[in-house]
Amino acid sequence: MLIVSLVILIAMTVLGVSTMSGTRLSEKITSNSQQKSIAFEVAESGIRSVWDVAYLRQQIATSLSAGNNPSAVAIADADTGLQSQFDQLDTSGKGADIGGSLTVQYCGEIMPIGSGTSEDLSSTQIVSMLIDINSMIDIGNSNTTADHLQRTRITNLRTRRTASCSTR
């Protein structure tokens, strides 16, 4: 009787330990999924925070003064809030420290759909100016990152400037 009780006790202990291991694995998976979701939402919020034609024109005007193939313009945190508004910290400073950057880059001009190639080239031409908005987010202490790139087009006068943007 004592031996049977010991065997049952050992079996229950093994079952309990394996259940606890499975539970911890599930918690890790859930935590990783939550961190990825947070990084995704913050990256998209950063892009949405600058998604305004007037604001984009103002930022691109800075890089266009450099001539052809301008580099990306880093957006100040005051405009996006990526460094300050999305942190999930408690009163003692513990939690998810979310950091990131947002850049806007001029990517060239294309003729709008429906415009002909036989247009009078001596007159003022309207083109679609291509702009890339890149949001890169990282969550401290979790190795979670998000890198989102959104391309938009804005109607503009033709400048004939060239640009080189990634095609990822």
Protein backbone atom coordinates (compact mmCIF):
# COMPACT_ATOMS: atom_id res chain seq x y z
CA MET A 1 0.00 0.00 0.00
CA LEU A 2 2.84 2.37 0.85
CA ILE A 3 4.61 1.60 -2.43
CA VAL A 4 1.45 2.27 -4.43
CA SER A 5 1.02 5.62 -2.65
CA LEU A 6 4.64 6.58 -3.42
CA VAL A 7 4.24 5.65 -7.10
CA ILE A 8 1.06 7.75 -7.33
CA LEU A 9 2.81 10.65 -5.57
CA ILE A 10 5.74 10.50 -8.00
CA ALA A 11 3.38 10.31 -10.99
CA MET A 12 1.43 13.34 -9.73
CA THR A 13 4.67 15.27 -9.17
CA VAL A 14 5.89 14.54 -12.71
CA LEU A 15 2.49 15.53 -14.11
CA GLY A 16 2.49 18.77 -12.10
CA VAL A 17 6.01 19.74 -13.19
CA SER A 18 5.26 19.09 -16.88
CA THR A 19 2.04 21.11 -16.65
CA MET A 20 3.94 24.02 -15.09
CA SER A 21 6.52 23.90 -17.90
CA GLY A 22 3.77 24.02 -20.51
CA THR A 23 2.13 26.95 -18.75
CA ARG A 24 5.38 28.92 -18.64
CA LEU A 25 5.92 28.30 -22.35
CA SER A 26 2.40 29.54 -23.09
CA GLU A 27 3.06 32.67 -21.03
CA LYS A 28 6.25 33.37 -23.01
CA ILE A 29 4.43 32.90 -26.32
CA THR A 30 1.64 35.23 -25.20
CA SER A 31 4.13 37.84 -24.01
CA ASN A 32 6.05 37.74 -27.31
CA SER A 33 2.82 38.09 -29.25
CA GLN A 34 1.80 41.06 -27.12
CA GLN A 35 5.18 42.78 -27.62
CA LYS A 36 4.95 42.30 -31.41
CA SER A 37 1.44 43.73 -31.39
CA ILE A 38 2.55 46.77 -29.39
CA ALA A 39 5.50 47.40 -31.75
CA PHE A 40 3.20 47.10 -34.78
CA GLU A 41 0.64 49.54 -33.36
CA VAL A 42 3.29 52.10 -32.37
CA ALA A 43 4.93 51.93 -35.82
CA GLU A 44 1.59 52.51 -37.53
CA SER A 45 0.69 55.31 -35.10
CA GLY A 46 3.98 57.02 -35.88
CA ILE A 47 3.22 56.96 -39.60
CA ARG A 48 -0.33 58.17 -39.00
CA SER A 49 0.97 61.06 -36.87
CA VAL A 50 2.71 62.66 -39.88
CA TRP A 51 0.20 61.63 -42.54
CA ASP A 52 -0.74 65.17 -43.57
CA VAL A 53 -0.04 66.64 -47.00
CA ALA A 54 0.99 70.08 -45.70
CA TYR A 55 3.31 68.56 -43.09
CA LEU A 56 4.90 66.18 -45.62
CA ARG A 57 5.45 69.03 -48.09
CA GLN A 58 7.17 71.06 -45.36
CA GLN A 59 9.49 68.16 -44.44
CA ILE A 60 10.30 67.33 -48.06
CA ALA A 61 11.05 70.99 -48.84
CA THR A 62 13.96 70.74 -46.39
CA SER A 63 15.50 67.78 -48.21
CA LEU A 64 14.76 69.14 -51.70
CA SER A 65 16.94 72.17 -51.08
CA ALA A 66 19.86 69.72 -51.15
CA GLY A 67 19.25 69.01 -54.85
CA ASN A 68 19.13 65.54 -56.37
CA ASN A 69 19.07 62.31 -54.37
CA PRO A 70 18.28 63.92 -51.00
CA SER A 71 18.69 61.88 -47.85
CA ALA A 72 15.85 61.04 -45.49
CA VAL A 73 14.68 63.69 -43.02
CA ALA A 74 14.40 62.55 -39.40
CA ILE A 75 11.16 63.70 -37.78
CA ALA A 76 11.37 65.29 -34.34
CA ASP A 77 9.81 63.38 -31.45
CA ALA A 78 7.68 66.42 -30.63
CA ASP A 79 5.79 65.77 -33.88
CA THR A 80 5.35 62.01 -33.45
CA GLY A 81 5.53 61.24 -29.73
CA LEU A 82 7.30 57.93 -30.43
CA GLN A 83 9.81 58.39 -27.60
CA SER A 84 7.44 59.88 -25.03
CA GLN A 85 3.80 58.94 -25.53
CA PHE A 86 3.95 55.18 -26.03
CA ASP A 87 6.09 54.06 -23.08
CA GLN A 88 4.27 51.65 -20.81
CA LEU A 89 6.01 52.38 -17.53
CA ASP A 90 4.63 52.29 -14.01
CA THR A 91 5.38 54.91 -11.35
CA SER A 92 8.70 53.27 -10.48
CA GLY A 93 9.86 53.36 -14.12
CA LYS A 94 9.48 49.63 -14.78
CA GLY A 95 7.75 48.35 -17.88
CA ALA A 96 8.09 48.55 -21.65
CA ASP A 97 10.39 51.37 -22.79
CA ILE A 98 9.42 51.97 -26.40
CA GLY A 99 11.85 53.84 -28.62
CA GLY A 100 11.96 54.53 -32.29
CA SER A 101 12.51 56.90 -35.15
CA LEU A 102 10.52 58.20 -38.06
CA THR A 103 11.95 59.46 -41.35
CA VAL A 104 10.44 61.04 -44.43
CA GLN A 105 12.21 60.72 -47.77
CA TYR A 106 11.59 62.19 -51.21
CA CYS A 107 11.51 59.36 -53.77
CA GLY A 108 11.11 61.10 -57.09
CA GLU A 109 8.29 62.06 -59.42
CA ILE A 110 6.02 60.07 -61.69
CA MET A 111 3.46 61.15 -64.22
CA PRO A 112 -0.10 60.73 -62.95
CA ILE A 113 -2.19 57.93 -64.39
CA GLY A 114 -3.94 59.08 -67.55
CA SER A 115 -1.46 61.78 -68.53
CA GLY A 116 -0.14 61.56 -72.04
CA THR A 117 3.46 61.50 -73.14
CA SER A 118 2.67 63.96 -75.92
CA GLU A 119 1.86 66.81 -73.54
CA ASP A 120 3.41 70.21 -74.13
CA LEU A 121 6.67 69.93 -72.18
CA SER A 122 7.23 73.69 -72.19
CA SER A 123 4.24 74.31 -69.93
CA THR A 124 4.00 73.70 -66.21
CA GLN A 125 3.42 70.02 -65.52
CA ILE A 126 1.65 68.41 -62.61
CA VAL A 127 3.24 65.18 -61.34
CA SER A 128 2.87 62.81 -58.43
CA MET A 129 5.71 63.29 -55.95
CA LEU A 130 6.57 60.00 -54.22
CA ILE A 131 7.34 60.09 -50.49
CA ASP A 132 8.44 57.26 -48.20
CA ILE A 133 7.56 57.39 -44.50
CA ASN A 134 9.62 54.89 -42.52
CA SER A 135 8.81 54.07 -38.89
CA MET A 136 11.32 51.96 -36.93
CA ILE A 137 10.31 50.88 -33.41
CA ASP A 138 12.16 48.89 -30.77
CA ILE A 139 10.98 47.80 -27.35
CA GLY A 140 13.78 47.85 -24.81
CA ASN A 141 14.78 44.61 -23.03
CA SER A 142 12.63 42.44 -25.29
CA ASN A 143 14.47 42.42 -28.64
CA THR A 144 11.17 43.30 -30.35
CA THR A 145 11.34 45.56 -33.40
CA ALA A 146 9.01 46.79 -36.10
CA ASP A 147 10.09 48.43 -39.36
CA HIS A 148 7.19 49.83 -41.38
CA LEU A 149 7.51 51.65 -44.68
CA GLN A 150 4.61 53.51 -46.25
CA ARG A 151 4.84 55.15 -49.68
CA THR A 152 2.50 57.93 -50.64
CA ARG A 153 2.13 60.27 -53.56
CA ILE A 154 1.31 63.96 -53.46
CA THR A 155 0.30 66.08 -56.43
CA ASN A 156 2.99 68.66 -57.09
CA LEU A 157 4.57 70.81 -59.78
CA ARG A 158 7.30 69.03 -61.70
CA THR A 159 10.83 69.79 -60.44
CA ARG A 160 12.79 67.14 -62.41
CA ARG A 161 14.78 66.21 -59.30
CA THR A 162 16.00 62.66 -59.04
CA ALA A 163 15.89 60.45 -55.99
CA SER A 164 16.95 57.01 -54.90
CA CYS A 165 14.73 55.18 -52.44
CA SER A 166 14.81 51.57 -51.41
CA THR A 167 12.49 49.20 -53.20
CA ARG A 168 12.05 46.75 -50.34
